[in-house]
Amino acid sequence: MPYAAPRHCPHHHRLFTGSRCPDCAKEGKQRADANRPNASARGYNGDWRKARAEFLEAHPTCCKCGWPATVVDHVTPHKGDQALFWSRSNWQALCQPCHRTKTAKNDGGFGNRPRGVGPR
C-alpha cells in the first residue's frame, strides 16, 4: 500500500505514486542518453576493459567496504581528460553498491546536483 496519495502527471494525464511519473522519467532518460556519446566514444573501449580487468585482479576487494570489487572508479571524475582517465593513481576498486552511493553523492546521480554546483 502506498504511503502517499497518488499524484496527477500534467504531461501524461495519469495518476502515479512515487517521486516522478514513470513515463516522464523514461522520456528524461531517453533525452539524456540521446545527447550522450556511447561508451566507446567516452574511452571505455577494449583497452579500458583490459586495464580494468588487470586492476580488479590486483585489487579484488572494495576499498570502502571490503566486498568483492566489480567496478573501477575514477576518484576524480575525468570529464574527458585522457591523462586523468588513464592515471591509475586516480582509480579505486569498488563494489557496485558503493559505486552507486559515490555517484549519487558526488557526481549528481539520483537527482542530486554535482558537487561544486550552486544551490538549487
C-alpha atoms as a PDB file:
ATOM      1  CA  MET A   1       0.000   0.000   0.000  1.00  0.00           C
ATOM      2  CA  PRO A   2       1.461   3.404  -0.944  1.00  0.00           C
ATOM      3  CA  TYR A   3       2.386   5.836   1.787  1.00  0.00           C
ATOM      4  CA  ALA A   4       1.179   8.908  -0.096  1.00  0.00           C
ATOM      5  CA  ALA A   5      -1.842   9.590  -2.239  1.00  0.00           C
ATOM      6  CA  PRO A   6      -1.336   9.201  -5.986  1.00  0.00           C
ATOM      7  CA  ARG A   7      -0.429  12.367  -7.868  1.00  0.00           C
ATOM      8  CA  HIS A   8      -1.511  13.545 -11.299  1.00  0.00           C
ATOM      9  CA  CYS A   9       1.010  13.909 -14.121  1.00  0.00           C
ATOM     10  CA  PRO A  10       0.115  17.026 -16.149  1.00  0.00           C
ATOM     11  CA  HIS A  11       2.005  15.708 -19.192  1.00  0.00           C
ATOM     12  CA  HIS A  12       0.576  12.192 -19.429  1.00  0.00           C
ATOM     13  CA  HIS A  13      -2.735  12.773 -17.633  1.00  0.00           C
ATOM     14  CA  ARG A  14      -2.399   9.792 -15.347  1.00  0.00           C
ATOM     15  CA  LEU A  15      -2.013   9.100 -11.646  1.00  0.00           C
ATOM     16  CA  PHE A  16       1.258   7.818 -10.238  1.00  0.00           C
ATOM     17  CA  THR A  17       2.879   7.130  -6.896  1.00  0.00           C
ATOM     18  CA  GLY A  18       6.473   7.859  -6.069  1.00  0.00           C
ATOM     19  CA  SER A  19       8.598  10.869  -6.834  1.00  0.00           C
ATOM     20  CA  ARG A  20       8.171  11.005 -10.616  1.00  0.00           C
ATOM     21  CA  CYS A  21       5.774   9.839 -13.300  1.00  0.00           C
ATOM     22  CA  PRO A  22       7.311   6.688 -14.838  1.00  0.00           C
ATOM     23  CA  ASP A  23       6.642   7.968 -18.366  1.00  0.00           C
ATOM     24  CA  CYS A  24       8.288  11.335 -17.610  1.00  0.00           C
ATOM     25  CA  ALA A  25      11.276   9.543 -16.071  1.00  0.00           C
ATOM     26  CA  LYS A  26      11.632   7.284 -19.125  1.00  0.00           C
ATOM     27  CA  GLU A  27      11.434  10.243 -21.525  1.00  0.00           C
ATOM     28  CA  GLY A  28      14.014  12.178 -19.482  1.00  0.00           C
ATOM     29  CA  LYS A  29      16.428   9.239 -19.571  1.00  0.00           C
ATOM     30  CA  GLN A  30      15.937   8.855 -23.329  1.00  0.00           C
ATOM     31  CA  ARG A  31      16.703  12.560 -23.881  1.00  0.00           C
ATOM     32  CA  ALA A  32      19.838  12.347 -21.725  1.00  0.00           C
ATOM     33  CA  ASP A  33      21.014   9.164 -23.467  1.00  0.00           C
ATOM     34  CA  ALA A  34      20.438  10.675 -26.925  1.00  0.00           C
ATOM     35  CA  ASN A  35      22.867  13.505 -26.098  1.00  0.00           C
ATOM     36  CA  ARG A  36      25.494  11.251 -24.505  1.00  0.00           C
ATOM     37  CA  PRO A  37      28.293   9.677 -26.564  1.00  0.00           C
ATOM     38  CA  ASN A  38      28.453   5.887 -26.449  1.00  0.00           C
ATOM     39  CA  ALA A  39      30.821   4.144 -24.041  1.00  0.00           C
ATOM     40  CA  SER A  40      33.498   3.582 -26.669  1.00  0.00           C
ATOM     41  CA  ALA A  41      33.478   7.264 -27.655  1.00  0.00           C
ATOM     42  CA  ARG A  42      33.919   8.163 -23.967  1.00  0.00           C
ATOM     43  CA  GLY A  43      37.072   5.998 -23.775  1.00  0.00           C
ATOM     44  CA  TYR A  44      35.598   2.772 -22.402  1.00  0.00           C
ATOM     45  CA  ASN A  45      36.891   0.556 -25.230  1.00  0.00           C
ATOM     46  CA  GLY A  46      38.895  -2.671 -25.417  1.00  0.00           C
ATOM     47  CA  ASP A  47      41.977  -1.005 -23.923  1.00  0.00           C
ATOM     48  CA  TRP A  48      39.876   0.119 -20.955  1.00  0.00           C
ATOM     49  CA  ARG A  49      38.315  -3.313 -20.490  1.00  0.00           C
ATOM     50  CA  LYS A  50      41.789  -4.901 -20.398  1.00  0.00           C
ATOM     51  CA  ALA A  51      43.177  -2.300 -17.948  1.00  0.00           C
ATOM     52  CA  ARG A  52      40.029  -2.611 -15.806  1.00  0.00           C
ATOM     53  CA  ALA A  53      40.372  -6.411 -15.607  1.00  0.00           C
ATOM     54  CA  GLU A  54      44.053  -6.135 -14.633  1.00  0.00           C
ATOM     55  CA  PHE A  55      43.262  -3.522 -11.970  1.00  0.00           C
ATOM     56  CA  LEU A  56      40.446  -5.597 -10.459  1.00  0.00           C
ATOM     57  CA  GLU A  57      42.702  -8.663 -10.411  1.00  0.00           C
ATOM     58  CA  ALA A  58      45.315  -6.671  -8.465  1.00  0.00           C
ATOM     59  CA  HIS A  59      42.653  -5.002  -6.247  1.00  0.00           C
ATOM     60  CA  PRO A  60      39.930  -7.640  -5.756  1.00  0.00           C
ATOM     61  CA  THR A  61      38.109  -6.028  -2.825  1.00  0.00           C
ATOM     62  CA  CYS A  62      36.124  -2.823  -2.487  1.00  0.00           C
ATOM     63  CA  CYS A  63      38.236  -0.128  -0.843  1.00  0.00           C
ATOM     64  CA  LYS A  64      35.153   1.149   1.029  1.00  0.00           C
ATOM     65  CA  CYS A  65      33.521  -1.983   2.473  1.00  0.00           C
ATOM     66  CA  GLY A  66      35.758  -4.973   1.674  1.00  0.00           C
ATOM     67  CA  TRP A  67      33.242  -6.831  -0.526  1.00  0.00           C
ATOM     68  CA  PRO A  68      34.382  -8.179  -3.902  1.00  0.00           C
ATOM     69  CA  ALA A  69      35.096  -5.266  -6.247  1.00  0.00           C
ATOM     70  CA  THR A  70      33.318  -5.147  -9.605  1.00  0.00           C
ATOM     71  CA  VAL A  71      33.882  -1.520 -10.661  1.00  0.00           C
ATOM     72  CA  VAL A  72      36.987   0.559 -11.338  1.00  0.00           C
ATOM     73  CA  ASP A  73      36.005   4.066 -10.294  1.00  0.00           C
ATOM     74  CA  HIS A  74      37.747   7.315 -11.165  1.00  0.00           C
ATOM     75  CA  VAL A  75      38.301   9.016  -7.786  1.00  0.00           C
ATOM     76  CA  THR A  76      38.259  12.412  -9.503  1.00  0.00           C
ATOM     77  CA  PRO A  77      35.879  12.448 -12.489  1.00  0.00           C
ATOM     78  CA  HIS A  78      37.986  12.698 -15.653  1.00  0.00           C
ATOM     79  CA  LYS A  79      35.391  14.655 -17.696  1.00  0.00           C
ATOM     80  CA  GLY A  80      37.144  13.661 -20.916  1.00  0.00           C
ATOM     81  CA  ASP A  81      40.715  14.372 -19.736  1.00  0.00           C
ATOM     82  CA  GLN A  82      42.575  11.329 -21.109  1.00  0.00           C
ATOM     83  CA  ALA A  83      45.574  11.804 -18.795  1.00  0.00           C
ATOM     84  CA  LEU A  84      43.268  11.687 -15.762  1.00  0.00           C
ATOM     85  CA  PHE A  85      41.228   8.866 -17.319  1.00  0.00           C
ATOM     86  CA  TRP A  86      44.287   6.604 -17.597  1.00  0.00           C
ATOM     87  CA  SER A  87      46.019   7.681 -14.361  1.00  0.00           C
ATOM     88  CA  ARG A  88      45.916   4.553 -12.192  1.00  0.00           C
ATOM     89  CA  SER A  89      46.520   6.697  -9.119  1.00  0.00           C
ATOM     90  CA  ASN A  90      43.043   8.111  -9.848  1.00  0.00           C
ATOM     91  CA  TRP A  91      41.435   4.650  -9.858  1.00  0.00           C
ATOM     92  CA  GLN A  92      39.839   2.788  -6.979  1.00  0.00           C
ATOM     93  CA  ALA A  93      38.195  -0.625  -6.800  1.00  0.00           C
ATOM     94  CA  LEU A  94      34.587  -0.510  -5.599  1.00  0.00           C
ATOM     95  CA  CYS A  95      31.653  -2.883  -5.329  1.00  0.00           C
ATOM     96  CA  GLN A  96      28.535  -1.839  -7.250  1.00  0.00           C
ATOM     97  CA  PRO A  97      26.583  -0.589  -4.169  1.00  0.00           C
ATOM     98  CA  CYS A  98      29.493   1.611  -3.022  1.00  0.00           C
ATOM     99  CA  HIS A  99      29.950   2.937  -6.570  1.00  0.00           C
ATOM    100  CA  ARG A 100      26.250   3.837  -6.793  1.00  0.00           C
ATOM    101  CA  THR A 101      26.450   5.622  -3.446  1.00  0.00           C
ATOM    102  CA  LYS A 102      29.546   7.579  -4.504  1.00  0.00           C
ATOM    103  CA  THR A 103      27.984   8.507  -7.839  1.00  0.00           C
ATOM    104  CA  ALA A 104      24.784   9.692  -6.191  1.00  0.00           C
ATOM    105  CA  LYS A 105      26.672  11.759  -3.636  1.00  0.00           C
ATOM    106  CA  ASN A 106      29.450  13.277  -5.755  1.00  0.00           C
ATOM    107  CA  ASP A 107      28.535  13.130  -9.428  1.00  0.00           C
ATOM    108  CA  GLY A 108      24.921  14.242  -9.332  1.00  0.00           C
ATOM    109  CA  GLY A 109      23.298  10.831  -9.573  1.00  0.00           C
ATOM    110  CA  PHE A 110      19.754  10.104  -8.378  1.00  0.00           C
ATOM    111  CA  GLY A 111      18.667  13.704  -8.994  1.00  0.00           C
ATOM    112  CA  ASN A 112      21.374  15.275  -6.827  1.00  0.00           C
ATOM    113  CA  ARG A 113      23.402  18.196  -8.097  1.00  0.00           C
ATOM    114  CA  PRO A 114      27.068  17.502  -8.791  1.00  0.00           C
ATOM    115  CA  ARG A 115      29.395  18.747  -6.069  1.00  0.00           C
ATOM    116  CA  GLY A 116      30.625  22.263  -6.724  1.00  0.00           C
ATOM    117  CA  VAL A 117      27.368  23.390  -8.345  1.00  0.00           C
ATOM    118  CA  GLY A 118      25.411  26.189  -6.677  1.00  0.00           C
ATOM    119  CA  PRO A 119      22.256  25.782  -4.601  1.00  0.00           C
ATOM    120  CA  ARG A 120      19.009  24.587  -6.131  1.00  0.00           C
END
